Protein backbone atom coordinates (compact mmCIF):
# COMPACT_ATOMS: atom_id res chain seq x y z
CA MET A 1 118.13 151.97 158.08
CA ALA A 2 118.27 150.03 161.08
CA MET A 3 120.05 151.98 163.77
CA GLN A 4 119.46 152.03 167.63
CA VAL A 5 119.96 155.16 169.47
CA GLY A 6 120.03 155.46 173.19
CA GLY A 7 120.18 153.09 176.12
CA THR A 8 122.86 152.39 178.65
CA GLU A 9 126.53 151.54 177.96
CA ASP A 10 126.21 148.06 179.59
CA GLN A 11 123.16 147.19 177.44
CA SER A 12 124.20 145.28 174.31
CA MET A 13 122.41 145.64 170.96
CA VAL A 14 120.24 142.58 170.20
CA ASP A 15 118.72 143.61 166.75
CA ILE A 16 120.73 142.44 163.75
CA ASN A 17 121.53 144.94 161.07
CA THR A 18 119.92 143.59 157.81
CA THR A 19 120.83 146.50 155.56
CA PRO A 20 124.21 144.86 154.52
CA LEU A 21 122.50 141.59 153.87
CA ILE A 22 119.90 143.21 151.63
CA ASP A 23 122.58 145.02 149.82
CA VAL A 24 124.55 141.76 149.13
CA MET A 25 121.29 140.03 147.96
CA LEU A 26 120.75 142.82 145.43
CA VAL A 27 124.08 142.73 144.18
CA LEU A 28 124.00 138.91 143.79
CA LEU A 29 120.49 139.29 142.08
CA ILE A 30 121.74 141.73 139.55
CA MET A 31 124.87 139.47 138.84
CA PHE A 32 122.56 136.39 138.16
CA ILE A 33 120.36 138.51 135.85
CA ILE A 34 123.52 139.69 133.83
CA THR A 35 125.31 136.33 133.72
CA ILE A 36 122.33 134.05 132.91
CA PRO A 37 122.03 133.86 129.10
CA VAL A 38 118.84 134.81 127.41
CA MET A 39 116.63 131.70 127.05
CA THR A 40 114.94 131.33 123.90
CA HIS A 41 111.52 129.72 123.91
CA ALA A 42 111.78 128.39 120.35
CA VAL A 43 112.04 124.72 119.38
CA LYS A 44 114.34 124.09 116.47
CA LEU A 45 112.95 121.50 114.04
CA ASP A 46 114.24 120.32 110.77
CA MET A 47 111.08 120.53 108.67
CA PRO A 48 110.82 118.68 105.40
CA ARG A 49 111.17 120.69 102.23
CA GLY A 50 107.98 121.36 100.38
CA VAL A 51 107.50 119.97 96.91
CA PRO A 52 106.21 122.57 94.26
CA PRO A 53 102.43 121.97 93.15
CA ASP A 54 103.58 121.22 89.60
CA GLN A 55 105.83 118.38 90.84
CA LEU A 56 103.38 116.85 93.33
CA VAL A 57 102.30 113.36 92.36
CA GLN A 58 98.71 112.61 93.39
CA PRO A 59 98.54 109.09 94.88
CA GLU A 60 96.19 106.55 93.61
CA VAL A 61 93.04 106.12 95.63
CA ILE A 62 91.20 102.77 96.21
CA ASP A 63 87.80 102.83 97.78
CA ILE A 64 86.95 99.80 99.91
CA GLU A 65 83.54 99.66 101.18
CA VAL A 66 82.16 97.07 103.75
CA ASP A 67 78.40 96.59 103.37
CA PHE A 68 76.18 95.81 106.28
CA ASP A 69 76.30 92.16 105.65
CA GLY A 70 80.04 92.00 105.48
CA THR A 71 80.31 92.16 101.70
CA VAL A 72 83.60 94.01 100.67
CA LEU A 73 83.39 96.24 97.61
CA TRP A 74 86.74 97.10 95.82
CA ASN A 75 86.22 100.43 93.86
CA SER A 76 82.47 99.57 93.74
CA THR A 77 83.16 95.97 92.46
CA PRO A 78 82.10 93.19 94.89
CA VAL A 79 85.05 91.02 96.12
CA PRO A 80 83.94 87.30 96.02
CA ASP A 81 86.02 86.04 98.97
CA GLU A 82 88.80 86.89 101.41
CA PRO A 83 91.63 85.28 99.29
CA THR A 84 90.73 87.46 96.42
CA LEU A 85 90.79 90.60 98.76
CA LEU A 86 94.23 89.45 100.07
CA SER A 87 95.58 89.25 96.56
CA TYR A 88 94.22 92.68 95.69
CA LEU A 89 95.86 94.19 98.78
CA GLN A 90 99.13 92.38 98.16
CA THR A 91 99.31 93.77 94.64
CA GLU A 92 98.68 97.31 95.87
CA ALA A 93 101.26 96.92 98.79
CA ALA A 94 103.89 96.15 96.32
CA LYS A 95 103.42 99.41 94.34
CA ASP A 96 105.70 102.27 94.81
CA PRO A 97 104.21 104.70 95.82
CA GLN A 98 101.63 102.87 97.66
CA PRO A 99 97.99 103.94 96.98
CA GLU A 100 95.75 105.37 99.52
CA ILE A 101 92.89 103.09 100.86
CA HIS A 102 89.77 104.89 101.71
CA LEU A 103 87.72 102.53 103.90
CA ARG A 104 84.00 103.32 104.05
CA PRO A 105 82.22 100.93 106.47
CA ASN A 106 78.42 100.79 106.47
CA LYS A 107 76.61 102.20 109.64
CA ARG A 108 75.14 98.78 110.51
CA VAL A 109 78.07 96.55 109.61
CA LYS A 110 79.61 94.48 112.45
CA TYR A 111 82.98 95.48 113.72
CA ASP A 112 84.35 92.03 113.04
CA PHE A 113 84.17 92.56 109.19
CA VAL A 114 85.87 95.92 109.31
CA ALA A 115 88.57 94.79 111.70
CA ARG A 116 89.31 91.80 109.41
CA VAL A 117 89.92 94.03 106.46
CA LEU A 118 92.06 96.45 108.48
CA ALA A 119 94.11 93.48 109.88
CA ASP A 120 94.63 92.12 106.40
CA ALA A 121 95.80 95.44 105.06
CA GLN A 122 98.10 96.05 107.93
CA ARG A 123 99.46 92.54 107.74
CA LEU A 124 100.36 92.90 104.07
CA GLY A 125 102.19 96.24 104.60
CA ILE A 126 99.62 98.85 103.65
CA ARG A 127 100.66 102.16 105.23
CA LYS A 128 98.04 104.67 104.00
CA ILE A 129 94.72 103.73 105.28
CA GLY A 130 91.89 106.17 106.20
CA PHE A 131 88.26 106.09 107.11
CA VAL A 132 85.94 107.96 104.93
CA GLY A 133 82.25 108.86 105.52
CA ASN A 134 82.43 109.19 109.27
CA GLU A 135 79.62 111.86 109.26
CA GLU A 136 76.95 109.21 109.33
CA PHE A 137 78.21 108.12 112.73
CA MET A 138 77.74 111.43 114.23
CA GLU A 139 74.19 110.84 115.25
């Protein structure tokens, strides 16, 4: 407790008494702790419902390989030209559900050939495209 004892009568007290201020601060702190609602750290998400495994439909998988010289193979069958590839992709894009396209580029193929196949698939509306065989690029 802050209390000053002694001194003369004409001498005034210069020190401020901080005890009441600290008491008020503690009361305010307790009031804030009580009145602030408990904050939850959970994020509420509407998750999609799962489908039982017996009702799960496996999508069709189409393997597209791009050889080192730019040759495109559709399920191990060579595609003769780009319009034929476009017709294949257009047919698959119209299906419901769309098949998965597994793209497997050769390690030595130029990026231009792979980018052309990807651009054609995207332009025609194929939504499920994935790269397969990326292990060979790890070196």
